[in-house]
Amino acid sequence: MKKAWLSALLALTVAAGVGSTTALGEGAMRVFFGAETVASEMPASKAESVESIVNKLGGFVDYDQQSGKLQVIKPNVNIIVVEGIQQTRNKNVVFSNPVKGYSDKNVPRTFNVFVEVDDAPIAKDLRMQLVLVGPDGKEVSKGKEWKYSTQNANSFYFSEPFVSTKLEAYGTYKVQVQMKSEKFTSFVTVGENTFTVGR
């Protein structure tokens, strides 16, 4: 998943100038992807549209207008949907029965979602939430809002159950992980996993 995202970001970088940028002159930026220069100039006015595209790819843009620096932050998120999660005395996490799908709709289902986050944005108040989205693109259920401080460590994990959730349509359901912080005020979907209902 990370490799695919980086390929998409690299293609986007070449087309629209995403990555780290440094001011070149009044209203112009030099664009970098890692240590490599991708474009020598880009209008600073494109920063907002770049942010919109990066958000759709599951990342955040930190743009400093004064210095002309634009930084792309992409958390690495892994999501597992299983019937059960347990933690042993020695802190090992044990998963049981990964959920790939259910054959019938309109049956209350209970499943657990385990989320592991690495490379999260550095924040005093990082918020996370799980959202279950139906085949029609509408929200079916939402979990609680989790709060973390990532100032000392930007890796963590959490799990949350969806209890007696009624899946009323056949098709593919998405379990989305959404994130925001005091610096990025809108929730952005930073990862998702899917399962199907139907034969």
Protein backbone atom coordinates (compact mmCIF):
# COMPACT_ATOMS: atom_id res chain seq x y z
CA MET A 1 0.00 0.00 0.00
CA LYS A 2 2.81 2.41 0.89
CA LYS A 3 4.62 1.64 -2.38
CA ALA A 4 1.48 2.33 -4.44
CA TRP A 5 0.92 5.62 -2.58
CA LEU A 6 4.48 6.73 -3.21
CA SER A 7 4.17 5.88 -6.93
CA ALA A 8 0.96 7.93 -7.13
CA LEU A 9 2.60 10.78 -5.22
CA LEU A 10 5.65 10.70 -7.49
CA ALA A 11 3.42 10.89 -10.59
CA LEU A 12 1.50 13.73 -8.94
CA THR A 13 4.75 15.44 -8.01
CA VAL A 14 5.91 15.48 -11.60
CA ALA A 15 2.52 16.77 -12.79
CA ALA A 16 1.63 19.23 -10.06
CA GLY A 17 4.71 19.80 -7.94
CA VAL A 18 4.07 17.91 -4.71
CA GLY A 19 6.82 17.24 -2.18
CA SER A 20 9.10 19.44 -0.16
CA THR A 21 9.47 22.86 -1.72
CA THR A 22 11.72 25.82 -1.09
CA ALA A 23 11.10 29.41 -2.10
CA LEU A 24 12.88 30.35 -5.31
CA GLY A 25 11.63 33.89 -5.70
CA GLU A 26 8.49 35.96 -5.13
CA GLY A 27 5.58 33.51 -5.54
CA ALA A 28 7.76 30.69 -6.94
CA MET A 29 8.89 27.42 -5.41
CA ARG A 30 11.49 24.75 -6.13
CA VAL A 31 10.02 21.29 -5.75
CA PHE A 32 11.79 18.29 -4.20
CA PHE A 33 10.77 14.70 -3.70
CA GLY A 34 13.05 13.43 -0.98
CA ALA A 35 16.49 14.79 -1.93
CA GLU A 36 15.74 14.82 -5.67
CA THR A 37 14.68 18.01 -7.47
CA VAL A 38 11.48 17.30 -9.38
CA ALA A 39 10.69 20.77 -10.76
CA SER A 40 12.73 23.94 -10.77
CA GLU A 41 9.77 26.34 -10.45
CA MET A 42 6.15 26.14 -9.43
CA PRO A 43 3.68 28.95 -8.69
CA ALA A 44 2.95 29.26 -4.95
CA SER A 45 -0.74 29.64 -5.85
CA LYS A 46 -0.88 25.86 -6.52
CA ALA A 47 -0.26 24.98 -2.85
CA GLU A 48 -3.99 24.83 -2.03
CA SER A 49 -4.89 22.53 -4.93
CA VAL A 50 -1.88 20.33 -4.08
CA GLU A 51 -3.21 20.05 -0.51
CA SER A 52 -6.60 18.89 -1.79
CA ILE A 53 -5.00 16.16 -3.92
CA VAL A 54 -2.65 15.01 -1.15
CA ASN A 55 -5.61 14.81 1.29
CA LYS A 56 -7.41 12.52 -1.18
CA LEU A 57 -4.29 10.32 -1.26
CA GLY A 58 -4.38 10.06 2.54
CA GLY A 59 -1.73 12.61 3.46
CA PHE A 60 -1.41 16.12 4.85
CA VAL A 61 0.31 19.23 3.50
CA ASP A 62 2.18 21.60 5.80
CA TYR A 63 2.73 24.78 3.78
CA ASP A 64 4.73 27.74 5.12
CA GLN A 65 3.82 30.71 2.91
CA GLN A 66 6.66 32.86 4.23
CA SER A 67 9.46 30.44 3.43
CA GLY A 68 7.67 28.85 0.47
CA LYS A 69 8.23 25.38 1.95
CA LEU A 70 5.58 22.73 1.38
CA GLN A 71 5.98 19.44 3.27
CA VAL A 72 3.90 16.33 2.51
CA ILE A 73 3.20 14.15 5.57
CA LYS A 74 1.89 10.64 4.91
CA PRO A 75 1.20 8.39 7.91
CA ASN A 76 1.71 4.67 7.37
CA VAL A 77 -1.55 2.98 8.47
CA ASN A 78 -2.35 -0.75 8.65
CA ILE A 79 -5.91 -1.93 9.31
CA ILE A 80 -7.07 -5.46 10.12
CA VAL A 81 -10.76 -6.40 10.38
CA VAL A 82 -11.22 -9.54 12.50
CA GLU A 83 -13.84 -11.25 14.62
CA GLY A 84 -11.72 -11.14 17.76
CA ILE A 85 -8.69 -9.36 19.28
CA GLN A 86 -7.03 -10.33 22.55
CA GLN A 87 -3.91 -9.17 24.35
CA THR A 88 -1.95 -11.77 26.32
CA ARG A 89 -0.22 -11.13 29.65
CA ASN A 90 3.11 -10.59 27.90
CA LYS A 91 1.46 -7.88 25.72
CA ASN A 92 1.25 -9.97 22.52
CA VAL A 93 -1.81 -9.16 20.40
CA VAL A 94 -3.71 -12.20 19.09
CA PHE A 95 -6.20 -11.94 16.20
CA SER A 96 -8.87 -14.50 15.33
CA ASN A 97 -10.88 -15.03 12.12
CA PRO A 98 -10.04 -12.25 9.65
CA VAL A 99 -13.24 -10.89 8.08
CA LYS A 100 -13.24 -11.06 4.29
CA GLY A 101 -17.00 -10.94 3.91
CA TYR A 102 -20.43 -12.14 4.94
CA SER A 103 -22.90 -14.01 2.74
CA ASP A 104 -26.14 -12.41 3.96
CA LYS A 105 -27.25 -8.83 4.55
CA ASN A 106 -29.59 -7.55 7.31
CA VAL A 107 -27.89 -9.69 9.96
CA PRO A 108 -26.35 -7.86 12.95
CA ARG A 109 -22.57 -8.42 12.76
CA THR A 110 -19.92 -7.88 15.42
CA PHE A 111 -16.33 -7.43 14.30
CA ASN A 112 -13.18 -5.74 15.58
CA VAL A 113 -10.86 -3.32 13.84
CA PHE A 114 -7.17 -3.16 14.74
CA VAL A 115 -5.25 -0.09 13.57
CA GLU A 116 -1.48 0.39 13.61
CA VAL A 117 -0.10 3.85 12.81
CA ASP A 118 3.54 4.72 12.03
CA ASP A 119 4.96 8.09 10.95
CA ALA A 120 1.97 10.03 12.30
CA PRO A 121 2.16 13.83 12.16
CA ILE A 122 3.84 15.33 15.24
CA ALA A 123 0.97 16.81 17.27
CA LYS A 124 -0.07 17.57 20.81
CA ASP A 125 -3.68 16.67 19.99
CA LEU A 126 -3.97 14.05 17.23
CA ARG A 127 -7.51 12.74 16.72
CA MET A 128 -8.43 9.40 15.14
CA GLN A 129 -11.78 7.83 14.29
CA LEU A 130 -13.07 4.76 12.47
CA VAL A 131 -15.90 5.11 9.97
CA LEU A 132 -17.81 2.26 8.32
CA VAL A 133 -18.96 3.24 4.82
CA GLY A 134 -21.56 1.25 2.87
CA PRO A 135 -21.53 0.24 -0.81
CA ASP A 136 -23.53 3.41 -1.61
CA GLY A 137 -20.76 5.63 -0.15
CA LYS A 138 -22.85 6.64 2.89
CA GLU A 139 -21.74 6.33 6.50
CA VAL A 140 -23.15 3.23 8.23
CA SER A 141 -21.49 3.64 11.62
CA LYS A 142 -18.77 5.67 13.32
CA GLY A 143 -16.51 4.73 16.21
CA LYS A 144 -15.41 6.95 19.06
CA GLU A 145 -12.83 9.72 18.65
CA TRP A 146 -9.42 8.63 19.91
CA LYS A 147 -6.89 11.22 21.15
CA TYR A 148 -3.10 10.89 21.08
CA SER A 149 -0.05 13.03 21.64
CA THR A 150 2.67 12.17 19.13
CA GLN A 151 5.27 14.65 20.39
CA ASN A 152 7.44 11.88 21.91
CA ALA A 153 6.48 8.90 19.73
CA ASN A 154 4.66 8.95 16.42
CA SER A 155 3.77 5.24 16.34
CA PHE A 156 0.83 3.67 18.17
CA TYR A 157 -2.01 1.21 17.80
CA PHE A 158 -5.61 0.86 18.95
CA SER A 159 -8.56 -1.42 18.40
CA GLU A 160 -12.28 -0.84 18.45
CA PRO A 161 -15.29 -3.16 18.09
CA PHE A 162 -18.31 -2.60 15.89
CA VAL A 163 -21.07 -4.36 17.86
CA SER A 164 -24.28 -5.71 16.30
CA THR A 165 -23.82 -3.60 13.19
CA LYS A 166 -26.55 -4.11 10.60
CA LEU A 167 -25.21 -4.35 7.06
CA GLU A 168 -28.30 -3.59 5.00
CA ALA A 169 -26.95 -3.79 1.43
CA TYR A 170 -24.99 -6.21 -0.70
CA GLY A 171 -21.62 -4.96 -1.94
CA THR A 172 -18.27 -3.72 -0.64
CA TYR A 173 -18.02 -1.98 2.74
CA LYS A 174 -15.04 0.21 3.68
CA VAL A 175 -13.61 0.59 7.16
CA GLN A 176 -11.84 3.96 7.04
CA VAL A 177 -9.32 5.41 9.47
CA GLN A 178 -9.64 9.19 9.66
CA MET A 179 -7.14 11.56 11.28
CA LYS A 180 -6.80 15.25 12.14
CA SER A 181 -4.80 17.42 14.54
CA GLU A 182 -4.63 20.97 15.81
CA LYS A 183 -2.60 21.81 12.68
CA PHE A 184 -4.84 19.91 10.23
CA THR A 185 -8.40 20.69 11.31
CA SER A 186 -10.38 18.52 8.86
CA PHE A 187 -10.51 14.74 9.14
CA VAL A 188 -8.60 13.03 6.32
CA THR A 189 -8.99 9.34 5.46
CA VAL A 190 -5.46 7.99 5.95
CA GLY A 191 -6.21 4.30 5.39
CA GLU A 192 -8.96 1.79 4.75
CA ASN A 193 -9.75 -1.90 4.54
CA THR A 194 -12.73 -3.55 2.86
CA PHE A 195 -15.01 -6.56 3.14
CA THR A 196 -17.96 -7.70 1.06
CA VAL A 197 -21.54 -8.68 1.83
CA GLY A 198 -23.01 -11.08 -0.68
CA ARG A 199 -22.15 -14.29 -2.48
